[in-house]
């Protein structure tokens, strides 16, 4: 593969990975904050706090992806695994579908970021 094609592939995968991770992280953080606000004065359980912390780590990984692709990719893979475990323990039905909707975008973004780091 020529150097120009490798550069374009690395740049493309880096931007797509960042975009997917940022959209998912911002959407899910807004979703969690909105759910906490609409519940009023009720206390949030341990499952909700753990989910929020996983999303904060994902958001931090999105910020880190501008500086350290490898670390951000590994953090996003760990968040995806953590969400899979969280869904397996706390969700009622359709665990795989829930993980596909919540955890898979982080895994895809992480793989793109790691691929970009390897190619460049």
Protein backbone atom coordinates (compact mmCIF):
# COMPACT_ATOMS: atom_id res chain seq x y z
CA UNK A 1 0.00 0.00 0.00
CA UNK A 2 1.39 3.39 -0.91
CA UNK A 3 2.21 5.95 1.74
CA UNK A 4 -0.54 8.29 0.52
CA UNK A 5 -3.21 5.59 0.79
CA UNK A 6 -2.00 4.63 4.27
CA UNK A 7 -2.15 8.26 5.35
CA UNK A 8 -5.69 8.68 4.02
CA UNK A 9 -6.82 5.41 5.63
CA UNK A 10 -5.34 6.41 8.98
CA UNK A 11 -6.88 9.87 8.83
CA UNK A 12 -10.28 8.53 7.77
CA UNK A 13 -10.43 5.82 10.44
CA UNK A 14 -9.26 8.27 13.12
CA UNK A 15 -12.00 10.78 12.31
CA UNK A 16 -14.75 8.18 11.95
CA UNK A 17 -13.73 6.54 15.24
CA UNK A 18 -13.71 9.85 17.06
CA UNK A 19 -17.06 10.84 15.58
CA UNK A 20 -18.78 7.57 16.52
CA UNK A 21 -17.40 7.65 20.06
CA UNK A 22 -18.25 11.32 20.60
CA UNK A 23 -21.80 10.98 19.33
CA UNK A 24 -22.44 7.92 21.49
CA UNK A 25 -20.83 9.39 24.61
CA UNK A 26 -22.59 12.76 24.40
CA UNK A 27 -25.94 11.16 23.57
CA UNK A 28 -25.73 8.68 26.40
CA UNK A 29 -24.52 11.23 28.98
CA UNK A 30 -27.40 13.52 28.05
CA UNK A 31 -29.76 10.55 28.25
CA UNK A 32 -28.55 9.63 31.75
CA UNK A 33 -28.60 13.21 33.04
CA UNK A 34 -32.08 13.72 31.60
CA UNK A 35 -33.32 10.53 33.22
CA UNK A 36 -31.87 11.61 36.56
CA UNK A 37 -33.51 15.04 36.31
CA UNK A 38 -36.95 13.70 35.39
CA UNK A 39 -36.96 11.20 38.26
CA UNK A 40 -36.98 14.11 40.68
CA UNK A 41 -35.93 13.43 44.25
CA UNK A 42 -35.70 9.66 43.97
CA UNK A 43 -32.36 8.11 44.75
CA UNK A 44 -30.37 6.58 41.94
CA UNK A 45 -29.39 2.98 42.48
CA UNK A 46 -25.96 1.40 42.23
CA UNK A 47 -26.68 0.20 38.68
CA UNK A 48 -27.40 3.76 37.55
CA UNK A 49 -24.27 5.12 39.20
CA UNK A 50 -22.13 2.40 37.61
CA UNK A 51 -23.64 3.13 34.20
CA UNK A 52 -22.95 6.83 34.65
CA UNK A 53 -19.33 6.16 35.64
CA UNK A 54 -18.82 3.97 32.58
CA UNK A 55 -20.13 6.76 30.40
CA UNK A 56 -17.88 9.31 32.07
CA UNK A 57 -14.90 7.05 31.33
CA UNK A 58 -16.09 6.78 27.71
CA UNK A 59 -16.38 10.55 27.46
CA UNK A 60 -12.87 10.93 28.90
CA UNK A 61 -11.61 8.43 26.31
CA UNK A 62 -13.20 10.55 23.59
CA UNK A 63 -11.30 13.59 24.82
CA UNK A 64 -8.13 11.49 25.12
CA UNK A 65 -8.53 10.30 21.52
CA UNK A 66 -7.33 13.72 20.35
CA UNK A 67 -3.98 13.13 22.04
CA UNK A 68 -3.38 9.39 22.57
CA UNK A 69 -5.12 7.06 20.13
CA UNK A 70 -3.87 3.84 21.68
CA UNK A 71 -4.92 4.62 25.23
CA UNK A 72 -8.28 5.95 24.10
CA UNK A 73 -8.92 2.82 22.04
CA UNK A 74 -8.08 0.54 24.96
CA UNK A 75 -10.30 2.57 27.29
CA UNK A 76 -13.20 2.36 24.83
CA UNK A 77 -12.76 -1.42 24.56
CA UNK A 78 -12.85 -1.65 28.36
CA UNK A 79 -15.99 0.51 28.46
CA UNK A 80 -17.63 -1.75 25.88
CA UNK A 81 -16.74 -4.82 27.96
CA UNK A 82 -17.96 -3.08 31.13
CA UNK A 83 -21.25 -2.21 29.48
CA UNK A 84 -21.63 -5.83 28.36
CA UNK A 85 -21.11 -7.04 31.93
CA UNK A 86 -23.46 -4.35 33.28
CA UNK A 87 -26.15 -5.31 30.79
CA UNK A 88 -25.72 -9.00 31.55
CA UNK A 89 -26.19 -8.39 35.27
CA UNK A 90 -28.80 -5.62 35.32
CA UNK A 91 -30.87 -5.88 32.12
CA UNK A 92 -34.02 -7.95 31.99
CA UNK A 93 -34.34 -9.28 28.44
CA UNK A 94 -32.52 -9.06 25.11
CA UNK A 95 -29.03 -8.65 26.53
CA UNK A 96 -27.35 -8.89 23.13
CA UNK A 97 -29.64 -6.30 21.55
CA UNK A 98 -29.04 -3.92 24.45
CA UNK A 99 -25.28 -4.37 24.11
CA UNK A 100 -25.46 -3.81 20.34
CA UNK A 101 -27.23 -0.51 20.92
CA UNK A 102 -25.03 0.69 23.79
CA UNK A 103 -21.69 -1.12 23.73
CA UNK A 104 -21.03 -1.93 20.07
CA UNK A 105 -20.50 1.69 18.94
CA UNK A 106 -17.69 2.01 21.48
CA UNK A 107 -16.11 -1.22 20.27
CA UNK A 108 -16.27 -0.11 16.62
CA UNK A 109 -14.82 3.30 17.49
CA UNK A 110 -12.03 1.67 19.51
CA UNK A 111 -11.13 -0.68 16.68
CA UNK A 112 -11.02 2.23 14.23
CA UNK A 113 -8.79 4.27 16.55
CA UNK A 114 -6.43 1.35 17.11
CA UNK A 115 -6.33 0.62 13.38
CA UNK A 116 -5.52 4.26 12.71
CA UNK A 117 -2.72 4.16 15.26
CA UNK A 118 -1.27 1.02 13.73
CA UNK A 119 -1.44 2.28 10.11
CA UNK A 120 0.02 5.71 10.80
